[in-house]
Amino acid sequence: MFQPNQRVKVDLSNMTIQGVSFSQNVREALGTIVHQTSADPPVYVVELLFSFKGIKRVEVPEDRIRPM
């Protein structure tokens, strides 16, 4: 379980978020947990350190998040 403001690495490879498709190379995007949006399955909103094509916040399943 991740906590708000926790720094993490996010695997965005092969995901499509807000119409943007992330390549298989985006495996370690740095970010900060904002909050949890679902408990089953666990999903979190993560604010990315760098914007990808205008996307700064992403909703990601817990299995794609690793602590730093």
PDB file of N, CA and C in Angstrom:
ATOM      1  N   MET A   1       0.839  -1.184   0.000  1.00  0.00           N
ATOM      2  CA  MET A   1       0.000   0.000   0.000  1.00  0.00           C
ATOM      3  C   MET A   1       0.883   1.245   0.000  1.00  0.00           C
ATOM      4  N   PHE A   2       0.550   2.199  -0.833  1.00  0.00           N
ATOM      5  CA  PHE A   2       1.327   3.420  -0.958  1.00  0.00           C
ATOM      6  C   PHE A   2       0.615   4.566  -0.235  1.00  0.00           C
ATOM      7  N   GLN A   3       1.387   5.541   0.202  1.00  0.00           N
ATOM      8  CA  GLN A   3       0.861   6.683   0.947  1.00  0.00           C
ATOM      9  C   GLN A   3       0.971   7.958   0.115  1.00  0.00           C
ATOM     10  N   PRO A   4       0.061   8.931   0.323  1.00  0.00           N
ATOM     11  CA  PRO A   4       0.187  10.222  -0.371  1.00  0.00           C
ATOM     12  C   PRO A   4       1.567  10.836  -0.119  1.00  0.00           C
ATOM     13  N   ASN A   5       2.104  11.479  -1.136  1.00  0.00           N
ATOM     14  CA  ASN A   5       3.417  12.131  -1.127  1.00  0.00           C
ATOM     15  C   ASN A   5       4.599  11.167  -1.177  1.00  0.00           C
ATOM     16  N   GLN A   6       4.339   9.874  -1.310  1.00  0.00           N
ATOM     17  CA  GLN A   6       5.424   8.906  -1.430  1.00  0.00           C
ATOM     18  C   GLN A   6       5.988   8.945  -2.846  1.00  0.00           C
ATOM     19  N   ARG A   7       7.314   8.977  -2.954  1.00  0.00           N
ATOM     20  CA  ARG A   7       7.984   8.985  -4.259  1.00  0.00           C
ATOM     21  C   ARG A   7       8.016   7.557  -4.798  1.00  0.00           C
ATOM     22  N   VAL A   8       7.707   7.419  -6.086  1.00  0.00           N
ATOM     23  CA  VAL A   8       7.623   6.093  -6.698  1.00  0.00           C
ATOM     24  C   VAL A   8       8.159   6.113  -8.132  1.00  0.00           C
ATOM     25  N   LYS A   9       8.356   4.911  -8.668  1.00  0.00           N
ATOM     26  CA  LYS A   9       8.645   4.707 -10.077  1.00  0.00           C
ATOM     27  C   LYS A   9       7.428   4.006 -10.665  1.00  0.00           C
ATOM     28  N   VAL A  10       6.998   4.469 -11.844  1.00  0.00           N
ATOM     29  CA  VAL A  10       5.783   3.946 -12.462  1.00  0.00           C
ATOM     30  C   VAL A  10       6.117   3.349 -13.826  1.00  0.00           C
ATOM     31  N   ASP A  11       5.593   2.167 -14.082  1.00  0.00           N
ATOM     32  CA  ASP A  11       5.760   1.513 -15.373  1.00  0.00           C
ATOM     33  C   ASP A  11       4.553   1.878 -16.238  1.00  0.00           C
ATOM     34  N   LEU A  12       4.753   2.766 -17.214  1.00  0.00           N
ATOM     35  CA  LEU A  12       3.682   3.200 -18.105  1.00  0.00           C
ATOM     36  C   LEU A  12       3.745   2.492 -19.457  1.00  0.00           C
ATOM     37  N   SER A  13       4.650   1.531 -19.600  1.00  0.00           N
ATOM     38  CA  SER A  13       4.857   0.876 -20.890  1.00  0.00           C
ATOM     39  C   SER A  13       3.574   0.224 -21.407  1.00  0.00           C
ATOM     40  N   ASN A  14       3.311   0.461 -22.687  1.00  0.00           N
ATOM     41  CA  ASN A  14       2.168  -0.104 -23.407  1.00  0.00           C
ATOM     42  C   ASN A  14       0.810   0.300 -22.839  1.00  0.00           C
ATOM     43  N   MET A  15       0.740   1.400 -22.104  1.00  0.00           N
ATOM     44  CA  MET A  15      -0.534   1.916 -21.605  1.00  0.00           C
ATOM     45  C   MET A  15      -0.991   3.076 -22.484  1.00  0.00           C
ATOM     46  N   THR A  16      -2.298   3.281 -22.555  1.00  0.00           N
ATOM     47  CA  THR A  16      -2.857   4.453 -23.218  1.00  0.00           C
ATOM     48  C   THR A  16      -3.618   5.239 -22.161  1.00  0.00           C
ATOM     49  N   ILE A  17      -3.209   6.484 -21.950  1.00  0.00           N
ATOM     50  CA  ILE A  17      -3.802   7.343 -20.931  1.00  0.00           C
ATOM     51  C   ILE A  17      -4.194   8.655 -21.591  1.00  0.00           C
ATOM     52  N   GLN A  18      -5.457   9.014 -21.466  1.00  0.00           N
ATOM     53  CA  GLN A  18      -5.982  10.247 -22.045  1.00  0.00           C
ATOM     54  C   GLN A  18      -5.603  10.376 -23.524  1.00  0.00           C
ATOM     55  N   GLY A  19      -5.679   9.267 -24.250  1.00  0.00           N
ATOM     56  CA  GLY A  19      -5.401   9.274 -25.679  1.00  0.00           C
ATOM     57  C   GLY A  19      -3.930   9.222 -26.052  1.00  0.00           C
ATOM     58  N   VAL A  20      -3.041   9.186 -25.072  1.00  0.00           N
ATOM     59  CA  VAL A  20      -1.602   9.115 -25.338  1.00  0.00           C
ATOM     60  C   VAL A  20      -1.128   7.685 -25.095  1.00  0.00           C
ATOM     61  N   SER A  21      -0.503   7.089 -26.110  1.00  0.00           N
ATOM     62  CA  SER A  21       0.044   5.736 -25.987  1.00  0.00           C
ATOM     63  C   SER A  21       1.503   5.821 -25.583  1.00  0.00           C
ATOM     64  N   PHE A  22       1.844   5.145 -24.502  1.00  0.00           N
ATOM     65  CA  PHE A  22       3.217   5.131 -24.016  1.00  0.00           C
ATOM     66  C   PHE A  22       3.939   3.924 -24.606  1.00  0.00           C
ATOM     67  N   SER A  23       5.158   4.120 -25.062  1.00  0.00           N
ATOM     68  CA  SER A  23       5.926   3.039 -25.679  1.00  0.00           C
ATOM     69  C   SER A  23       6.377   2.047 -24.609  1.00  0.00           C
ATOM     70  N   GLN A  24       6.902   0.947 -25.079  1.00  0.00           N
ATOM     71  CA  GLN A  24       7.388  -0.084 -24.165  1.00  0.00           C
ATOM     72  C   GLN A  24       8.618   0.371 -23.380  1.00  0.00           C
ATOM     73  N   ASN A  25       9.191   1.512 -23.753  1.00  0.00           N
ATOM     74  CA  ASN A  25      10.399   2.006 -23.087  1.00  0.00           C
ATOM     75  C   ASN A  25      10.131   2.840 -21.837  1.00  0.00           C
ATOM     76  N   VAL A  26       8.872   3.197 -21.582  1.00  0.00           N
ATOM     77  CA  VAL A  26       8.566   4.056 -20.431  1.00  0.00           C
ATOM     78  C   VAL A  26       8.288   3.157 -19.223  1.00  0.00           C
ATOM     79  N   ARG A  27       9.359   2.611 -18.654  1.00  0.00           N
ATOM     80  CA  ARG A  27       9.242   1.648 -17.556  1.00  0.00           C
ATOM     81  C   ARG A  27       9.559   2.244 -16.190  1.00  0.00           C
ATOM     82  N   GLU A  28      10.198   3.398 -16.137  1.00  0.00           N
ATOM     83  CA  GLU A  28      10.580   3.968 -14.851  1.00  0.00           C
ATOM     84  C   GLU A  28      10.314   5.461 -14.802  1.00  0.00           C
ATOM     85  N   ALA A  29       9.073   5.851 -15.009  1.00  0.00           N
ATOM     86  CA  ALA A  29       8.709   7.262 -14.876  1.00  0.00           C
ATOM     87  C   ALA A  29       8.664   7.596 -13.387  1.00  0.00           C
ATOM     88  N   LEU A  30       9.297   8.687 -13.009  1.00  0.00           N
ATOM     89  CA  LEU A  30       9.329   9.090 -11.602  1.00  0.00           C
ATOM     90  C   LEU A  30       8.093   9.906 -11.266  1.00  0.00           C
ATOM     91  N   GLY A  31       7.577   9.713 -10.058  1.00  0.00           N
ATOM     92  CA  GLY A  31       6.394  10.463  -9.665  1.00  0.00           C
ATOM     93  C   GLY A  31       6.146  10.405  -8.167  1.00  0.00           C
ATOM     94  N   THR A  32       5.017  10.987  -7.773  1.00  0.00           N
ATOM     95  CA  THR A  32       4.607  11.059  -6.371  1.00  0.00           C
ATOM     96  C   THR A  32       3.156  10.614  -6.269  1.00  0.00           C
ATOM     97  N   ILE A  33       2.868   9.759  -5.304  1.00  0.00           N
ATOM     98  CA  ILE A  33       1.493   9.316  -5.075  1.00  0.00           C
ATOM     99  C   ILE A  33       0.658  10.506  -4.625  1.00  0.00           C
ATOM    100  N   VAL A  34      -0.494  10.719  -5.270  1.00  0.00           N
ATOM    101  CA  VAL A  34      -1.429  11.778  -4.877  1.00  0.00           C
ATOM    102  C   VAL A  34      -2.471  11.186  -3.940  1.00  0.00           C
ATOM    103  N   HIS A  35      -3.165  10.135  -4.406  1.00  0.00           N
ATOM    104  CA  HIS A  35      -4.139   9.448  -3.564  1.00  0.00           C
ATOM    105  C   HIS A  35      -4.558   8.140  -4.227  1.00  0.00           C
ATOM    106  N   GLN A  36      -5.209   7.276  -3.445  1.00  0.00           N
ATOM    107  CA  GLN A  36      -5.715   6.010  -3.948  1.00  0.00           C
ATOM    108  C   GLN A  36      -7.141   6.225  -4.444  1.00  0.00           C
ATOM    109  N   THR A  37      -7.469   5.680  -5.616  1.00  0.00           N
ATOM    110  CA  THR A  37      -8.807   5.866  -6.172  1.00  0.00           C
ATOM    111  C   THR A  37      -9.660   4.606  -6.085  1.00  0.00           C
ATOM    112  N   SER A  38      -9.038   3.454  -5.884  1.00  0.00           N
ATOM    113  CA  SER A  38      -9.768   2.196  -5.806  1.00  0.00           C
ATOM    114  C   SER A  38      -9.014   1.245  -4.891  1.00  0.00           C
ATOM    115  N   ALA A  39      -9.771   0.439  -4.129  1.00  0.00           N
ATOM    116  CA  ALA A  39      -9.135  -0.520  -3.229  1.00  0.00           C
ATOM    117  C   ALA A  39      -9.072  -1.922  -3.832  1.00  0.00           C
ATOM    118  N   ASP A  40     -10.031  -2.261  -4.678  1.00  0.00           N
ATOM    119  CA  ASP A  40     -10.061  -3.596  -5.250  1.00  0.00           C
ATOM    120  C   ASP A  40     -10.441  -3.540  -6.719  1.00  0.00           C
ATOM    121  N   PRO A  41      -9.503  -3.561  -7.631  1.00  0.00           N
ATOM    122  CA  PRO A  41      -8.062  -3.651  -7.414  1.00  0.00           C
ATOM    123  C   PRO A  41      -7.492  -2.291  -7.004  1.00  0.00           C
ATOM    124  N   PRO A  42      -6.347  -2.301  -6.315  1.00  0.00           N
ATOM    125  CA  PRO A  42      -5.743  -1.039  -5.886  1.00  0.00           C
ATOM    126  C   PRO A  42      -5.265  -0.197  -7.069  1.00  0.00           C
ATOM    127  N   VAL A  43      -5.722   1.052  -7.136  1.00  0.00           N
ATOM    128  CA  VAL A  43      -5.346   1.988  -8.200  1.00  0.00           C
ATOM    129  C   VAL A  43      -5.012   3.320  -7.541  1.00  0.00           C
ATOM    130  N   TYR A  44      -3.974   3.979  -8.060  1.00  0.00           N
ATOM    131  CA  TYR A  44      -3.509   5.241  -7.491  1.00  0.00           C
ATOM    132  C   TYR A  44      -3.389   6.322  -8.561  1.00  0.00           C
ATOM    133  N   VAL A  45      -3.590   7.564  -8.148  1.00  0.00           N
ATOM    134  CA  VAL A  45      -3.257   8.710  -8.990  1.00  0.00           C
ATOM    135  C   VAL A  45      -1.826   9.096  -8.643  1.00  0.00           C
ATOM    136  N   VAL A  46      -0.988   9.197  -9.679  1.00  0.00           N
ATOM    137  CA  VAL A  46       0.421   9.550  -9.501  1.00  0.00           C
ATOM    138  C   VAL A  46       0.696  10.824 -10.291  1.00  0.00           C
ATOM    139  N   GLU A  47       1.322  11.798  -9.637  1.00  0.00           N
ATOM    140  CA  GLU A  47       1.767  13.007 -10.328  1.00  0.00           C
ATOM    141  C   GLU A  47       3.190  12.770 -10.797  1.00  0.00           C
ATOM    142  N   LEU A  48       3.378  12.823 -12.109  1.00  0.00           N
ATOM    143  CA  LEU A  48       4.678  12.544 -12.700  1.00  0.00           C
ATOM    144  C   LEU A  48       5.642  13.709 -12.508  1.00  0.00           C
ATOM    145  N   LEU A  49       6.908  13.387 -12.375  1.00  0.00           N
ATOM    146  CA  LEU A  49       7.942  14.409 -12.245  1.00  0.00           C
ATOM    147  C   LEU A  49       8.078  15.194 -13.545  1.00  0.00           C
ATOM    148  N   PHE A  50       7.942  14.492 -14.680  1.00  0.00           N
ATOM    149  CA  PHE A  50       8.011  15.125 -15.994  1.00  0.00           C
ATOM    150  C   PHE A  50       6.701  14.901 -16.725  1.00  0.00           C
ATOM    151  N   SER A  51       6.263  15.879 -17.461  1.00  0.00           N
ATOM    152  CA  SER A  51       5.045  15.763 -18.258  1.00  0.00           C
ATOM    153  C   SER A  51       5.344  14.983 -19.534  1.00  0.00           C
ATOM    154  N   PHE A  52       4.470  14.047 -19.886  1.00  0.00           N
ATOM    155  CA  PHE A  52       4.576  13.296 -21.133  1.00  0.00           C
ATOM    156  C   PHE A  52       3.453  13.754 -22.046  1.00  0.00           C
ATOM    157  N   LYS A  53       3.793  14.499 -23.091  1.00  0.00           N
ATOM    158  CA  LYS A  53       2.809  15.002 -24.060  1.00  0.00           C
ATOM    159  C   LYS A  53       1.650  15.706 -23.351  1.00  0.00           C
ATOM    160  N   GLY A  54       1.987  16.489 -22.351  1.00  0.00           N
ATOM    161  CA  GLY A  54       0.984  17.272 -21.622  1.00  0.00           C
ATOM    162  C   GLY A  54       0.317  16.539 -20.475  1.00  0.00           C
ATOM    163  N   ILE A  55       0.632  15.279 -20.280  1.00  0.00           N
ATOM    164  CA  ILE A  55       0.030  14.511 -19.187  1.00  0.00           C
ATOM    165  C   ILE A  55       0.932  14.576 -17.969  1.00  0.00           C
ATOM    166  N   LYS A  56       0.395  15.069 -16.866  1.00  0.00           N
ATOM    167  CA  LYS A  56       1.160  15.225 -15.634  1.00  0.00           C
ATOM    168  C   LYS A  56       0.681  14.258 -14.543  1.00  0.00           C
ATOM    169  N   ARG A  57      -0.627  13.931 -14.552  1.00  0.00           N
ATOM    170  CA  ARG A  57      -1.177  12.996 -13.570  1.00  0.00           C
ATOM    171  C   ARG A  57      -1.753  11.786 -14.288  1.00  0.00           C
ATOM    172  N   VAL A  58      -1.459  10.605 -13.738  1.00  0.00           N
ATOM    173  CA  VAL A  58      -1.936   9.362 -14.336  1.00  0.00           C
ATOM    174  C   VAL A  58      -2.568   8.490 -13.261  1.00  0.00           C
ATOM    175  N   GLU A  59      -3.535   7.687 -13.663  1.00  0.00           N
ATOM    176  CA  GLU A  59      -4.159   6.715 -12.771  1.00  0.00           C
ATOM    177  C   GLU A  59      -3.569   5.353 -13.130  1.00  0.00           C
ATOM    178  N   VAL A  60      -2.924   4.707 -12.136  1.00  0.00           N
ATOM    179  CA  VAL A  60      -2.124   3.517 -12.414  1.00  0.00           C
ATOM    180  C   VAL A  60      -2.452   2.406 -11.418  1.00  0.00           C
ATOM    181  N   PRO A  61      -2.574   1.158 -11.906  1.00  0.00           N
ATOM    182  CA  PRO A  61      -2.758   0.029 -10.987  1.00  0.00           C
ATOM    183  C   PRO A  61      -1.518  -0.171 -10.113  1.00  0.00           C
ATOM    184  N   GLU A  62      -1.735  -0.651  -8.913  1.00  0.00           N
ATOM    185  CA  GLU A  62      -0.650  -0.828  -7.950  1.00  0.00           C
ATOM    186  C   GLU A  62       0.477  -1.721  -8.461  1.00  0.00           C
ATOM    187  N   ASP A  63       0.163  -2.708  -9.300  1.00  0.00           N
ATOM    188  CA  ASP A  63       1.209  -3.626  -9.782  1.00  0.00           C
ATOM    189  C   ASP A  63       2.176  -2.961 -10.756  1.00  0.00           C
ATOM    190  N   ARG A  64       1.910  -1.720 -11.163  1.00  0.00           N
ATOM    191  CA  ARG A  64       2.820  -0.985 -12.046  1.00  0.00           C
ATOM    192  C   ARG A  64       3.606   0.093 -11.288  1.00  0.00           C
ATOM    193  N   ILE A  65       3.503   0.070  -9.956  1.00  0.00           N
ATOM    194  CA  ILE A  65       4.166   1.082  -9.124  1.00  0.00           C
ATOM    195  C   ILE A  65       5.194   0.397  -8.220  1.00  0.00           C
ATOM    196  N   ARG A  66       6.379   1.032  -8.122  1.00  0.00           N
ATOM    197  CA  ARG A  66       7.430   0.537  -7.226  1.00  0.00           C
ATOM    198  C   ARG A  66       7.913   1.695  -6.358  1.00  0.00           C
ATOM    199  N   PRO A  67       8.183   1.424  -5.078  1.00  0.00           N
ATOM    200  CA  PRO A  67       8.736   2.490  -4.230  1.00  0.00           C
ATOM    201  C   PRO A  67      10.148   2.833  -4.651  1.00  0.00           C
ATOM    202  N   MET A  68      10.567   4.041  -4.342  1.00  0.00           N
ATOM    203  CA  MET A  68      11.940   4.476  -4.647  1.00  0.00           C
ATOM    204  C   MET A  68      12.819   4.243  -3.444  1.00  0.00           C
TER     205      MET A  68
END
